Amino acid sequence: MLSREDAEQLLSVKGQVRGAAFETDAEYIRNRCGSSGLKKVEAAIRDLGKELDYERVSSMEWMSLGLRALSLLVMKDVFGWSDGEIKAMGDTAPKHSFIVKLFMKFFVSPQVAFSHAPDYWTKHYDIGRLEAVSLDEEKRHAVIHLYEFTLHPVYCKYLEGYFGRLFKFMFPKSNVMIEETSCVCNGDSRHEFLVHWEN
């Protein structure tokens, strides 16, 4: 169970994320657990001495990245979710994000979309540096690096799902697999995500 000290530690983390991230979380919870599930999460966050009203969040406002991580951890506690469920939440989020839909609409090829991924990151986060390292369509392999982004391992699982979904958009007829192979939370110098897909 999370403590108030845990909450304070997370909220001391630098960085902000767009409110759209909280909106997609709320949509996921409503679909899985109903509106009452969302109220349970908000109540659990209040019990930790913090406030988060999902209904009042604006898509483009900047919000605490630490609060986002805290909310994911509260969801795990309240609903007994595994890391796999958090990854599934990340996988679902781009389907409901107007920023993602706008981004994907203007790029006609996977290579172009992949090369613009760092720009896309800065539209969502004011911290961290995303590097689109390589995309080999012939070998069906891609590598993503994320620097200067230290938060909590739960967020890494979320990002696995999120990045994986973006590749599913790029290769809709393929089976996409993604794995984080290096992690700042484990003492590595960067996050590294390896992506493979099969037709």
N, C-alpha and C. Protein backbone atom coordinates (compact mmCIF):
# COMPACT_ATOMS: atom_id res chain seq x y z
N MET A 1 0.84 -1.20 0.00
CA MET A 1 0.00 0.00 0.00
C MET A 1 0.87 1.25 0.00
N LEU A 2 0.41 2.26 -0.71
CA LEU A 2 1.12 3.52 -0.78
C LEU A 2 0.92 4.31 0.51
N SER A 3 1.95 5.05 0.88
CA SER A 3 1.87 5.91 2.05
C SER A 3 1.91 7.37 1.61
N ARG A 4 1.62 8.25 2.55
CA ARG A 4 1.71 9.68 2.23
C ARG A 4 3.15 10.08 1.90
N GLU A 5 4.10 9.40 2.52
CA GLU A 5 5.51 9.67 2.21
C GLU A 5 5.83 9.27 0.77
N ASP A 6 5.28 8.13 0.33
CA ASP A 6 5.46 7.71 -1.06
C ASP A 6 4.90 8.76 -2.01
N ALA A 7 3.71 9.26 -1.67
CA ALA A 7 3.06 10.27 -2.51
C ALA A 7 3.91 11.54 -2.59
N GLU A 8 4.43 11.98 -1.46
CA GLU A 8 5.25 13.19 -1.44
C GLU A 8 6.51 13.00 -2.27
N GLN A 9 7.10 11.82 -2.18
CA GLN A 9 8.31 11.54 -2.94
C GLN A 9 8.04 11.60 -4.45
N LEU A 10 6.94 11.01 -4.86
CA LEU A 10 6.60 11.05 -6.29
C LEU A 10 6.31 12.47 -6.76
N LEU A 11 5.61 13.22 -5.94
CA LEU A 11 5.24 14.58 -6.34
C LEU A 11 6.42 15.54 -6.33
N SER A 12 7.53 15.12 -5.75
CA SER A 12 8.74 15.95 -5.77
C SER A 12 9.52 15.79 -7.07
N VAL A 13 9.12 14.81 -7.89
CA VAL A 13 9.80 14.58 -9.17
C VAL A 13 9.52 15.73 -10.11
N LYS A 14 10.56 16.20 -10.80
CA LYS A 14 10.39 17.28 -11.76
C LYS A 14 9.72 16.76 -13.02
N GLY A 15 9.04 17.66 -13.69
CA GLY A 15 8.45 17.31 -14.97
C GLY A 15 6.94 17.42 -14.99
N GLN A 16 6.43 17.69 -16.17
CA GLN A 16 5.00 17.83 -16.37
C GLN A 16 4.55 17.04 -17.61
N VAL A 17 3.28 16.68 -17.60
CA VAL A 17 2.68 15.95 -18.71
C VAL A 17 1.36 16.63 -19.04
N ARG A 18 0.93 16.53 -20.29
CA ARG A 18 -0.33 17.13 -20.69
C ARG A 18 -1.51 16.44 -20.00
N GLY A 19 -2.54 17.22 -19.74
CA GLY A 19 -3.74 16.68 -19.12
C GLY A 19 -4.39 15.57 -19.92
N ALA A 20 -4.12 15.52 -21.22
CA ALA A 20 -4.67 14.46 -22.06
C ALA A 20 -4.33 13.08 -21.52
N ALA A 21 -3.18 12.94 -20.87
CA ALA A 21 -2.78 11.65 -20.31
C ALA A 21 -3.75 11.22 -19.20
N PHE A 22 -4.16 12.15 -18.37
CA PHE A 22 -5.12 11.84 -17.31
C PHE A 22 -6.50 11.53 -17.91
N GLU A 23 -6.83 12.21 -19.00
CA GLU A 23 -8.12 11.96 -19.65
C GLU A 23 -8.20 10.55 -20.21
N THR A 24 -7.11 10.09 -20.82
CA THR A 24 -7.12 8.73 -21.36
C THR A 24 -7.14 7.69 -20.23
N ASP A 25 -6.50 8.01 -19.11
CA ASP A 25 -6.57 7.12 -17.93
C ASP A 25 -8.02 6.99 -17.46
N ALA A 26 -8.70 8.15 -17.37
CA ALA A 26 -10.07 8.15 -16.90
C ALA A 26 -10.97 7.34 -17.84
N GLU A 27 -10.76 7.48 -19.12
CA GLU A 27 -11.54 6.72 -20.10
C GLU A 27 -11.34 5.22 -19.92
N TYR A 28 -10.10 4.84 -19.68
CA TYR A 28 -9.78 3.42 -19.49
C TYR A 28 -10.48 2.87 -18.24
N ILE A 29 -10.42 3.63 -17.15
CA ILE A 29 -11.05 3.18 -15.90
C ILE A 29 -12.56 3.08 -16.07
N ARG A 30 -13.17 4.08 -16.71
CA ARG A 30 -14.62 4.03 -16.92
C ARG A 30 -15.00 2.78 -17.71
N ASN A 31 -14.24 2.48 -18.74
CA ASN A 31 -14.54 1.31 -19.57
C ASN A 31 -14.36 0.00 -18.82
N ARG A 32 -13.37 -0.05 -17.93
CA ARG A 32 -13.08 -1.29 -17.20
C ARG A 32 -13.87 -1.42 -15.90
N CYS A 33 -14.03 -0.28 -15.20
CA CYS A 33 -14.56 -0.35 -13.83
C CYS A 33 -15.74 0.57 -13.58
N GLY A 34 -16.20 1.29 -14.60
CA GLY A 34 -17.32 2.19 -14.45
C GLY A 34 -16.94 3.51 -13.77
N SER A 35 -17.89 4.41 -13.73
CA SER A 35 -17.65 5.72 -13.10
C SER A 35 -17.34 5.58 -11.62
N SER A 36 -17.92 4.56 -11.00
CA SER A 36 -17.65 4.35 -9.57
C SER A 36 -16.19 3.98 -9.34
N GLY A 37 -15.58 3.29 -10.30
CA GLY A 37 -14.16 2.96 -10.20
C GLY A 37 -13.30 4.20 -10.20
N LEU A 38 -13.68 5.17 -11.04
CA LEU A 38 -12.95 6.44 -11.10
C LEU A 38 -13.05 7.17 -9.76
N LYS A 39 -14.22 7.14 -9.15
CA LYS A 39 -14.41 7.79 -7.85
C LYS A 39 -13.55 7.10 -6.77
N LYS A 40 -13.41 5.80 -6.87
CA LYS A 40 -12.56 5.07 -5.91
C LYS A 40 -11.10 5.53 -6.02
N VAL A 41 -10.64 5.72 -7.24
CA VAL A 41 -9.26 6.18 -7.44
C VAL A 41 -9.09 7.58 -6.86
N GLU A 42 -10.03 8.46 -7.15
CA GLU A 42 -9.95 9.83 -6.63
C GLU A 42 -9.97 9.83 -5.10
N ALA A 43 -10.78 8.97 -4.50
CA ALA A 43 -10.85 8.89 -3.04
C ALA A 43 -9.55 8.38 -2.46
N ALA A 44 -8.94 7.39 -3.11
CA ALA A 44 -7.67 6.84 -2.63
C ALA A 44 -6.56 7.87 -2.72
N ILE A 45 -6.60 8.70 -3.75
CA ILE A 45 -5.60 9.77 -3.88
C ILE A 45 -5.81 10.81 -2.79
N ARG A 46 -7.08 11.11 -2.47
CA ARG A 46 -7.37 12.05 -1.36
C ARG A 46 -6.86 11.50 -0.04
N ASP A 47 -6.97 10.19 0.15
CA ASP A 47 -6.48 9.56 1.38
C ASP A 47 -4.97 9.74 1.54
N LEU A 48 -4.29 9.96 0.41
CA LEU A 48 -2.84 10.19 0.44
C LEU A 48 -2.51 11.68 0.57
N GLY A 49 -3.55 12.49 0.75
CA GLY A 49 -3.34 13.92 0.97
C GLY A 49 -3.27 14.74 -0.30
N LYS A 50 -3.69 14.17 -1.43
CA LYS A 50 -3.61 14.87 -2.71
C LYS A 50 -5.00 14.93 -3.35
N GLU A 51 -5.14 15.80 -4.33
CA GLU A 51 -6.42 15.94 -5.03
C GLU A 51 -6.22 15.72 -6.52
N LEU A 52 -7.14 14.98 -7.11
CA LEU A 52 -7.16 14.81 -8.57
C LEU A 52 -8.60 14.57 -8.98
N ASP A 53 -9.16 15.56 -9.67
CA ASP A 53 -10.52 15.45 -10.19
C ASP A 53 -10.41 15.25 -11.69
N TYR A 54 -10.56 14.02 -12.13
CA TYR A 54 -10.38 13.70 -13.55
C TYR A 54 -11.35 14.48 -14.45
N GLU A 55 -12.52 14.79 -13.93
CA GLU A 55 -13.54 15.46 -14.74
C GLU A 55 -13.16 16.91 -15.04
N ARG A 56 -12.28 17.48 -14.25
CA ARG A 56 -11.92 18.89 -14.41
C ARG A 56 -10.61 19.09 -15.17
N VAL A 57 -10.01 18.00 -15.62
CA VAL A 57 -8.73 18.08 -16.33
C VAL A 57 -8.96 18.59 -17.75
N SER A 58 -8.08 19.47 -18.19
CA SER A 58 -8.10 19.98 -19.56
C SER A 58 -6.99 19.31 -20.36
N SER A 59 -7.29 18.92 -21.59
CA SER A 59 -6.36 18.15 -22.42
C SER A 59 -4.98 18.77 -22.53
N MET A 60 -4.92 20.07 -22.75
CA MET A 60 -3.65 20.71 -23.06
C MET A 60 -2.95 21.34 -21.86
N GLU A 61 -3.56 21.30 -20.68
CA GLU A 61 -2.89 21.89 -19.51
C GLU A 61 -1.71 21.02 -19.08
N TRP A 62 -0.69 21.67 -18.53
CA TRP A 62 0.45 20.94 -17.99
C TRP A 62 0.14 20.53 -16.56
N MET A 63 0.37 19.25 -16.25
CA MET A 63 0.10 18.73 -14.91
C MET A 63 1.32 17.96 -14.41
N SER A 64 1.36 17.75 -13.11
CA SER A 64 2.50 17.09 -12.47
C SER A 64 2.70 15.66 -12.98
N LEU A 65 3.91 15.39 -13.45
CA LEU A 65 4.25 14.03 -13.88
C LEU A 65 4.26 13.07 -12.69
N GLY A 66 4.68 13.57 -11.54
CA GLY A 66 4.66 12.75 -10.33
C GLY A 66 3.24 12.34 -9.94
N LEU A 67 2.29 13.27 -10.13
CA LEU A 67 0.89 12.94 -9.85
C LEU A 67 0.39 11.86 -10.81
N ARG A 68 0.87 11.91 -12.04
CA ARG A 68 0.48 10.88 -13.01
C ARG A 68 0.98 9.50 -12.56
N ALA A 69 2.23 9.43 -12.14
CA ALA A 69 2.77 8.15 -11.65
C ALA A 69 2.02 7.70 -10.40
N LEU A 70 1.73 8.64 -9.51
CA LEU A 70 0.98 8.31 -8.30
C LEU A 70 -0.38 7.73 -8.66
N SER A 71 -1.06 8.34 -9.62
CA SER A 71 -2.38 7.86 -9.99
C SER A 71 -2.32 6.44 -10.56
N LEU A 72 -1.28 6.12 -11.33
CA LEU A 72 -1.12 4.76 -11.86
C LEU A 72 -0.92 3.76 -10.73
N LEU A 73 -0.11 4.13 -9.75
CA LEU A 73 0.14 3.24 -8.61
C LEU A 73 -1.12 3.06 -7.76
N VAL A 74 -1.89 4.13 -7.62
CA VAL A 74 -3.15 4.02 -6.88
C VAL A 74 -4.10 3.07 -7.59
N MET A 75 -4.16 3.16 -8.92
CA MET A 75 -5.01 2.24 -9.69
C MET A 75 -4.60 0.79 -9.45
N LYS A 76 -3.30 0.54 -9.44
CA LYS A 76 -2.82 -0.82 -9.17
C LYS A 76 -3.30 -1.30 -7.80
N ASP A 77 -3.22 -0.41 -6.81
CA ASP A 77 -3.65 -0.77 -5.46
C ASP A 77 -5.16 -1.00 -5.38
N VAL A 78 -5.91 -0.04 -5.91
CA VAL A 78 -7.37 -0.08 -5.78
C VAL A 78 -7.98 -1.28 -6.50
N PHE A 79 -7.46 -1.57 -7.70
CA PHE A 79 -8.07 -2.63 -8.52
C PHE A 79 -7.28 -3.94 -8.51
N GLY A 80 -6.13 -3.95 -7.81
CA GLY A 80 -5.31 -5.16 -7.79
C GLY A 80 -4.71 -5.49 -9.14
N TRP A 81 -4.38 -4.46 -9.90
CA TRP A 81 -3.85 -4.66 -11.25
C TRP A 81 -2.38 -5.07 -11.23
N SER A 82 -1.99 -5.82 -12.22
CA SER A 82 -0.60 -6.22 -12.43
C SER A 82 0.09 -5.19 -13.33
N ASP A 83 1.40 -5.35 -13.51
CA ASP A 83 2.13 -4.51 -14.47
C ASP A 83 1.56 -4.70 -15.87
N GLY A 84 1.08 -5.90 -16.16
CA GLY A 84 0.50 -6.18 -17.47
C GLY A 84 -0.72 -5.33 -17.74
N GLU A 85 -1.50 -5.05 -16.70
CA GLU A 85 -2.67 -4.20 -16.88
C GLU A 85 -2.27 -2.76 -17.15
N ILE A 86 -1.20 -2.31 -16.50
CA ILE A 86 -0.71 -0.95 -16.75
C ILE A 86 -0.19 -0.85 -18.19
N LYS A 87 0.48 -1.89 -18.65
CA LYS A 87 0.95 -1.91 -20.05
C LYS A 87 -0.25 -1.89 -21.00
N ALA A 88 -1.30 -2.62 -20.66
CA ALA A 88 -2.51 -2.63 -21.48
C ALA A 88 -3.15 -1.24 -21.50
N MET A 89 -3.10 -0.55 -20.37
CA MET A 89 -3.63 0.82 -20.32
C MET A 89 -2.83 1.72 -21.27
N GLY A 90 -1.50 1.57 -21.25
CA GLY A 90 -0.67 2.34 -22.16
C GLY A 90 -0.98 2.02 -23.62
N ASP A 91 -1.27 0.76 -23.89
CA ASP A 91 -1.60 0.34 -25.25
C ASP A 91 -2.92 0.96 -25.72
N THR A 92 -3.85 1.15 -24.81
CA THR A 92 -5.16 1.68 -25.16
C THR A 92 -5.14 3.20 -25.33
N ALA A 93 -4.28 3.89 -24.57
CA ALA A 93 -4.31 5.36 -24.50
C ALA A 93 -4.25 6.06 -25.86
N PRO A 94 -3.35 5.69 -26.77
CA PRO A 94 -3.29 6.42 -28.04
C PRO A 94 -4.58 6.36 -28.85
N LYS A 95 -5.39 5.35 -28.63
CA LYS A 95 -6.66 5.24 -29.36
C LYS A 95 -7.61 6.37 -29.00
N HIS A 96 -7.45 6.93 -27.79
CA HIS A 96 -8.35 7.97 -27.29
C HIS A 96 -7.72 9.36 -27.30
N SER A 97 -6.48 9.47 -27.75
CA SER A 97 -5.77 10.75 -27.68
C SER A 97 -5.89 11.51 -29.01
N PHE A 98 -6.49 12.71 -28.93
CA PHE A 98 -6.61 13.50 -30.15
C PHE A 98 -5.25 13.97 -30.64
N ILE A 99 -4.28 14.14 -29.71
CA ILE A 99 -2.93 14.55 -30.10
C ILE A 99 -2.30 13.46 -30.97
N VAL A 100 -2.48 12.21 -30.57
CA VAL A 100 -1.93 11.09 -31.34
C VAL A 100 -2.60 11.01 -32.70
N LYS A 101 -3.92 11.11 -32.71
CA LYS A 101 -4.64 11.02 -33.98
C LYS A 101 -4.20 12.11 -34.94
N LEU A 102 -4.00 13.31 -34.41
CA LEU A 102 -3.54 14.42 -35.23
C LEU A 102 -2.14 14.15 -35.76
N PHE A 103 -1.28 13.65 -34.88
CA PHE A 103 0.09 13.35 -35.25
C PHE A 103 0.16 12.29 -36.35
N MET A 104 -0.56 11.20 -36.17
CA MET A 104 -0.49 10.09 -37.12
C MET A 104 -1.14 10.45 -38.46
N LYS A 105 -2.10 11.35 -38.44
CA LYS A 105 -2.82 11.72 -39.65
C LYS A 105 -1.91 12.37 -40.69
N PHE A 106 -0.89 13.10 -40.23
CA PHE A 106 -0.08 13.88 -41.14
C PHE A 106 1.17 13.16 -41.63
N PHE A 107 1.41 11.94 -41.17
CA PHE A 107 2.60 11.21 -41.60
C PHE A 107 2.19 9.96 -42.36
N VAL A 108 2.61 9.94 -43.63
CA VAL A 108 2.12 8.90 -44.54
C VAL A 108 2.96 7.63 -44.53
N SER A 109 4.15 7.69 -43.93
CA SER A 109 5.00 6.50 -43.91
C SER A 109 5.53 6.25 -42.50
N PRO A 110 5.80 4.99 -42.15
CA PRO A 110 6.38 4.69 -40.84
C PRO A 110 7.70 5.42 -40.60
N GLN A 111 8.55 5.51 -41.62
CA GLN A 111 9.85 6.16 -41.45
C GLN A 111 9.68 7.63 -41.06
N VAL A 112 8.75 8.31 -41.71
CA VAL A 112 8.53 9.73 -41.41
C VAL A 112 7.95 9.89 -40.01
N ALA A 113 6.96 9.06 -39.67
CA ALA A 113 6.37 9.13 -38.34
C ALA A 113 7.41 8.86 -37.27
N PHE A 114 8.24 7.84 -37.50
CA PHE A 114 9.27 7.47 -36.52
C PHE A 114 10.28 8.60 -36.34
N SER A 115 10.67 9.23 -37.43
CA SER A 115 11.67 10.30 -37.33
C SER A 115 11.14 11.52 -36.59
N HIS A 116 9.81 11.68 -36.57
CA HIS A 116 9.22 12.82 -35.86
C HIS A 116 8.81 12.48 -34.43
N ALA A 117 9.09 11.27 -33.97
CA ALA A 117 8.71 10.85 -32.62
C ALA A 117 9.26 11.78 -31.53
N PRO A 118 10.52 12.25 -31.63
CA PRO A 118 11.03 13.16 -30.59
C PRO A 118 10.20 14.45 -30.49
N ASP A 119 9.75 14.97 -31.64
CA ASP A 119 8.90 16.17 -31.62
C ASP A 119 7.57 15.87 -30.94
N TYR A 120 7.04 14.70 -31.22
CA TYR A 120 5.77 14.28 -30.64
C TYR A 120 5.90 14.18 -29.12
N TRP A 121 7.05 13.66 -28.64
CA TRP A 121 7.28 13.53 -27.20
C TRP A 121 7.17 14.88 -26.52
N THR A 122 7.78 15.91 -27.10
CA THR A 122 7.79 17.23 -26.47
C THR A 122 6.41 17.88 -26.45
N LYS A 123 5.49 17.39 -27.25
CA LYS A 123 4.11 17.90 -27.19
C LYS A 123 3.37 17.33 -25.97
N HIS A 124 3.85 16.21 -25.46
CA HIS A 124 3.21 15.56 -24.31
C HIS A 124 3.95 15.80 -22.99
N TYR A 125 5.28 15.91 -23.04
CA TYR A 125 6.09 16.00 -21.83
C TYR A 125 7.04 17.20 -21.92
N ASP A 126 7.30 17.84 -20.77
CA ASP A 126 8.26 18.94 -20.77
C ASP A 126 9.61 18.48 -20.22
N ILE A 127 9.78 17.18 -20.07
CA ILE A 127 11.02 16.61 -19.56
C ILE A 127 11.30 15.31 -20.30
N GLY A 128 12.57 14.94 -20.37
CA GLY A 128 12.95 13.73 -21.08
C GLY A 128 13.30 14.04 -22.52
N ARG A 129 14.22 13.25 -23.05
CA ARG A 129 14.64 13.42 -24.45
C ARG A 129 14.51 12.08 -25.16
N LEU A 130 13.59 12.02 -26.11
CA LEU A 130 13.34 10.79 -26.86
C LEU A 130 14.22 10.76 -28.10
N GLU A 131 14.83 9.61 -28.35
CA GLU A 131 15.67 9.44 -29.54
C GLU A 131 15.14 8.25 -30.34
N ALA A 132 14.74 8.54 -31.58
CA ALA A 132 14.31 7.48 -32.50
C ALA A 132 15.58 6.92 -33.15
N VAL A 133 16.12 5.87 -32.55
CA VAL A 133 17.45 5.38 -32.92
C VAL A 133 17.46 4.72 -34.29
N SER A 134 16.60 3.73 -34.49
CA SER A 134 16.61 3.02 -35.77
C SER A 134 15.27 2.36 -36.03
N LEU A 135 14.93 2.32 -37.31
CA LEU A 135 13.73 1.63 -37.77
C LEU A 135 14.09 0.90 -39.05
N ASP A 136 14.09 -0.43 -38.99
CA ASP A 136 14.42 -1.26 -40.14
C ASP A 136 13.17 -2.04 -40.55
N GLU A 137 12.50 -1.54 -41.57
CA GLU A 137 11.25 -2.17 -41.99
C GLU A 137 11.47 -3.56 -42.58
N GLU A 138 12.61 -3.75 -43.22
CA GLU A 138 12.89 -5.06 -43.82
C GLU A 138 13.09 -6.13 -42.75
N LYS A 139 13.85 -5.77 -41.69
CA LYS A 139 14.10 -6.72 -40.61
C LYS A 139 13.02 -6.66 -39.53
N ARG A 140 12.09 -5.72 -39.68
CA ARG A 140 10.98 -5.55 -38.73
C ARG A 140 11.50 -5.35 -37.30
N HIS A 141 12.28 -4.30 -37.15
CA HIS A 141 12.98 -4.06 -35.88
C HIS A 141 13.14 -2.55 -35.70
N ALA A 142 12.94 -2.08 -34.48
CA ALA A 142 13.14 -0.66 -34.17
C ALA A 142 13.69 -0.51 -32.76
N VAL A 143 14.39 0.60 -32.53
CA VAL A 143 14.98 0.90 -31.22
C VAL A 143 14.64 2.34 -30.85
N ILE A 144 14.18 2.52 -29.62
CA ILE A 144 13.86 3.85 -29.07
C ILE A 144 14.67 4.04 -27.79
N HIS A 145 15.27 5.20 -27.63
CA HIS A 145 15.96 5.55 -26.38
C HIS A 145 15.25 6.75 -25.75
N LEU A 146 15.19 6.74 -24.44
CA LEU A 146 14.62 7.85 -23.69
C LEU A 146 15.61 8.24 -22.60
N TYR A 147 16.07 9.49 -22.64
CA TYR A 147 17.07 10.00 -21.71
C TYR A 147 16.42 11.02 -20.76
N GLU A 148 17.08 11.23 -19.62
CA GLU A 148 16.72 12.29 -18.68
C GLU A 148 15.26 12.19 -18.23
N PHE A 149 14.86 10.95 -17.96
CA PHE A 149 13.48 10.70 -17.55
C PHE A 149 13.50 9.64 -16.46
N THR A 150 13.49 10.09 -15.20
CA THR A 150 13.53 9.18 -14.06
C THR A 150 12.26 9.38 -13.25
N LEU A 151 11.45 8.34 -13.16
CA LEU A 151 10.19 8.49 -12.45
C LEU A 151 9.92 7.28 -11.56
N HIS A 152 9.32 6.24 -12.10
CA HIS A 152 8.98 5.04 -11.34
C HIS A 152 8.82 3.90 -12.34
N PRO A 153 9.20 2.68 -11.98
CA PRO A 153 9.08 1.55 -12.92
C PRO A 153 7.67 1.34 -13.47
N VAL A 154 6.64 1.74 -12.73
CA VAL A 154 5.28 1.57 -13.24
C VAL A 154 5.08 2.36 -14.53
N TYR A 155 5.78 3.49 -14.63
CA TYR A 155 5.64 4.31 -15.82
C TYR A 155 6.31 3.67 -17.02
N CYS A 156 7.36 2.91 -16.76
CA CYS A 156 8.05 2.21 -17.85
C CYS A 156 7.12 1.18 -18.49
N LYS A 157 6.34 0.50 -17.67
CA LYS A 157 5.37 -0.46 -18.20
C LYS A 157 4.31 0.25 -19.04
N TYR A 158 3.87 1.39 -18.55
CA TYR A 158 2.91 2.18 -19.31
C TYR A 158 3.48 2.57 -20.68
N LEU A 159 4.72 3.02 -20.68
CA LEU A 159 5.35 3.45 -21.93
C LEU A 159 5.56 2.28 -22.89
N GLU A 160 5.84 1.10 -22.36
CA GLU A 160 5.93 -0.08 -23.23
C GLU A 160 4.63 -0.24 -24.02
N GLY A 161 3.53 -0.17 -23.33
CA GLY A 161 2.25 -0.31 -24.00
C GLY A 161 1.98 0.83 -24.97
N TYR A 162 2.32 2.03 -24.56
CA TYR A 162 2.05 3.22 -25.36
C TYR A 162 2.86 3.19 -26.67
N PHE A 163 4.17 2.98 -26.53
CA PHE A 163 5.00 2.93 -27.73
C PHE A 163 4.59 1.76 -28.64
N GLY A 164 4.25 0.65 -28.01
CA GLY A 164 3.81 -0.51 -28.79
C GLY A 164 2.60 -0.18 -29.64
N ARG A 165 1.64 0.56 -29.08
CA ARG A 165 0.44 0.94 -29.83
C ARG A 165 0.77 1.84 -31.01
N LEU A 166 1.73 2.74 -30.84
CA LEU A 166 2.11 3.61 -31.95
C LEU A 166 2.65 2.79 -33.12
N PHE A 167 3.39 1.73 -32.80
CA PHE A 167 3.88 0.86 -33.87
C PHE A 167 2.75 0.05 -34.48
N LYS A 168 1.74 -0.27 -33.70
CA LYS A 168 0.57 -0.96 -34.25
C LYS A 168 -0.17 -0.06 -35.23
N PHE A 169 -0.16 1.24 -34.95
CA PHE A 169 -0.74 2.19 -35.90
C PHE A 169 0.07 2.22 -37.19
N MET A 170 1.40 2.16 -37.05
CA MET A 170 2.26 2.23 -38.24
C MET A 170 2.23 0.94 -39.06
N PHE A 171 2.07 -0.20 -38.36
CA PHE A 171 2.04 -1.51 -39.02
C PHE A 171 0.79 -2.26 -38.58
N PRO A 172 -0.38 -1.82 -39.05
CA PRO A 172 -1.65 -2.35 -38.53
C PRO A 172 -1.92 -3.82 -38.80
N LYS A 173 -1.24 -4.40 -39.77
CA LYS A 173 -1.47 -5.81 -40.09
C LYS A 173 -0.46 -6.74 -39.42
N SER A 174 0.38 -6.18 -38.56
CA SER A 174 1.46 -6.95 -37.95
C SER A 174 1.20 -7.21 -36.48
N ASN A 175 1.86 -8.24 -35.96
CA ASN A 175 1.86 -8.53 -34.53
C ASN A 175 3.07 -7.83 -33.93
N VAL A 176 2.83 -6.79 -33.13
CA VAL A 176 3.91 -5.97 -32.58
C VAL A 176 4.27 -6.43 -31.18
N MET A 177 5.58 -6.57 -30.93
CA MET A 177 6.09 -6.92 -29.61
C MET A 177 7.10 -5.86 -29.18
N ILE A 178 7.03 -5.46 -27.92
CA ILE A 178 7.93 -4.44 -27.40
C ILE A 178 8.43 -4.83 -26.02
N GLU A 179 9.68 -4.48 -25.74
CA GLU A 179 10.27 -4.79 -24.45
C GLU A 179 11.25 -3.69 -24.06
N GLU A 180 11.19 -3.28 -22.81
CA GLU A 180 12.19 -2.34 -22.30
C GLU A 180 13.41 -3.16 -21.87
N THR A 181 14.54 -2.93 -22.53
CA THR A 181 15.75 -3.72 -22.27
C THR A 181 16.78 -2.99 -21.42
N SER A 182 16.65 -1.68 -21.27
CA SER A 182 17.46 -0.90 -20.33
C SER A 182 16.53 0.07 -19.63
N CYS A 183 16.81 0.35 -18.36
CA CYS A 183 15.91 1.20 -17.58
C CYS A 183 16.69 2.05 -16.59
N VAL A 184 16.43 3.33 -16.59
CA VAL A 184 17.07 4.25 -15.65
C VAL A 184 16.74 3.85 -14.22
N CYS A 185 15.56 3.32 -14.00
CA CYS A 185 15.15 2.90 -12.65
C CYS A 185 16.01 1.76 -12.12
N ASN A 186 16.68 1.04 -13.03
CA ASN A 186 17.59 -0.05 -12.64
C ASN A 186 19.05 0.39 -12.65
N GLY A 187 19.27 1.69 -12.81
CA GLY A 187 20.64 2.21 -12.79
C GLY A 187 21.27 2.37 -14.16
N ASP A 188 20.55 2.08 -15.22
CA ASP A 188 21.09 2.25 -16.57
C ASP A 188 21.10 3.74 -16.93
N SER A 189 21.85 4.09 -17.96
CA SER A 189 22.00 5.49 -18.34
C SER A 189 20.81 6.01 -19.13
N ARG A 190 19.95 5.10 -19.60
CA ARG A 190 18.82 5.49 -20.43
C ARG A 190 17.78 4.38 -20.41
N HIS A 191 16.60 4.71 -20.87
CA HIS A 191 15.59 3.70 -21.16
C HIS A 191 15.79 3.27 -22.61
N GLU A 192 15.72 1.98 -22.84
CA GLU A 192 15.79 1.48 -24.21
C GLU A 192 14.61 0.54 -24.45
N PHE A 193 13.90 0.79 -25.54
CA PHE A 193 12.77 -0.05 -25.92
C PHE A 193 13.07 -0.69 -27.27
N LEU A 194 13.01 -2.01 -27.30
CA LEU A 194 13.20 -2.76 -28.55
C LEU A 194 11.84 -3.20 -29.06
N VAL A 195 11.61 -2.95 -30.33
CA VAL A 195 10.34 -3.28 -30.95
C VAL A 195 10.55 -4.26 -32.09
N HIS A 196 9.74 -5.30 -32.15
CA HIS A 196 9.75 -6.26 -33.25
C HIS A 196 8.31 -6.44 -33.73
N TRP A 197 8.16 -6.72 -35.00
CA TRP A 197 6.82 -7.02 -35.49
C TRP A 197 6.89 -8.12 -36.54
N GLU A 198 5.80 -8.88 -36.60
CA GLU A 198 5.70 -10.01 -37.52
C GLU A 198 4.43 -9.87 -38.34
N ASN A 199 4.51 -10.19 -39.61
CA ASN A 199 3.33 -10.13 -40.48
C ASN A 199 2.47 -11.38 -40.29
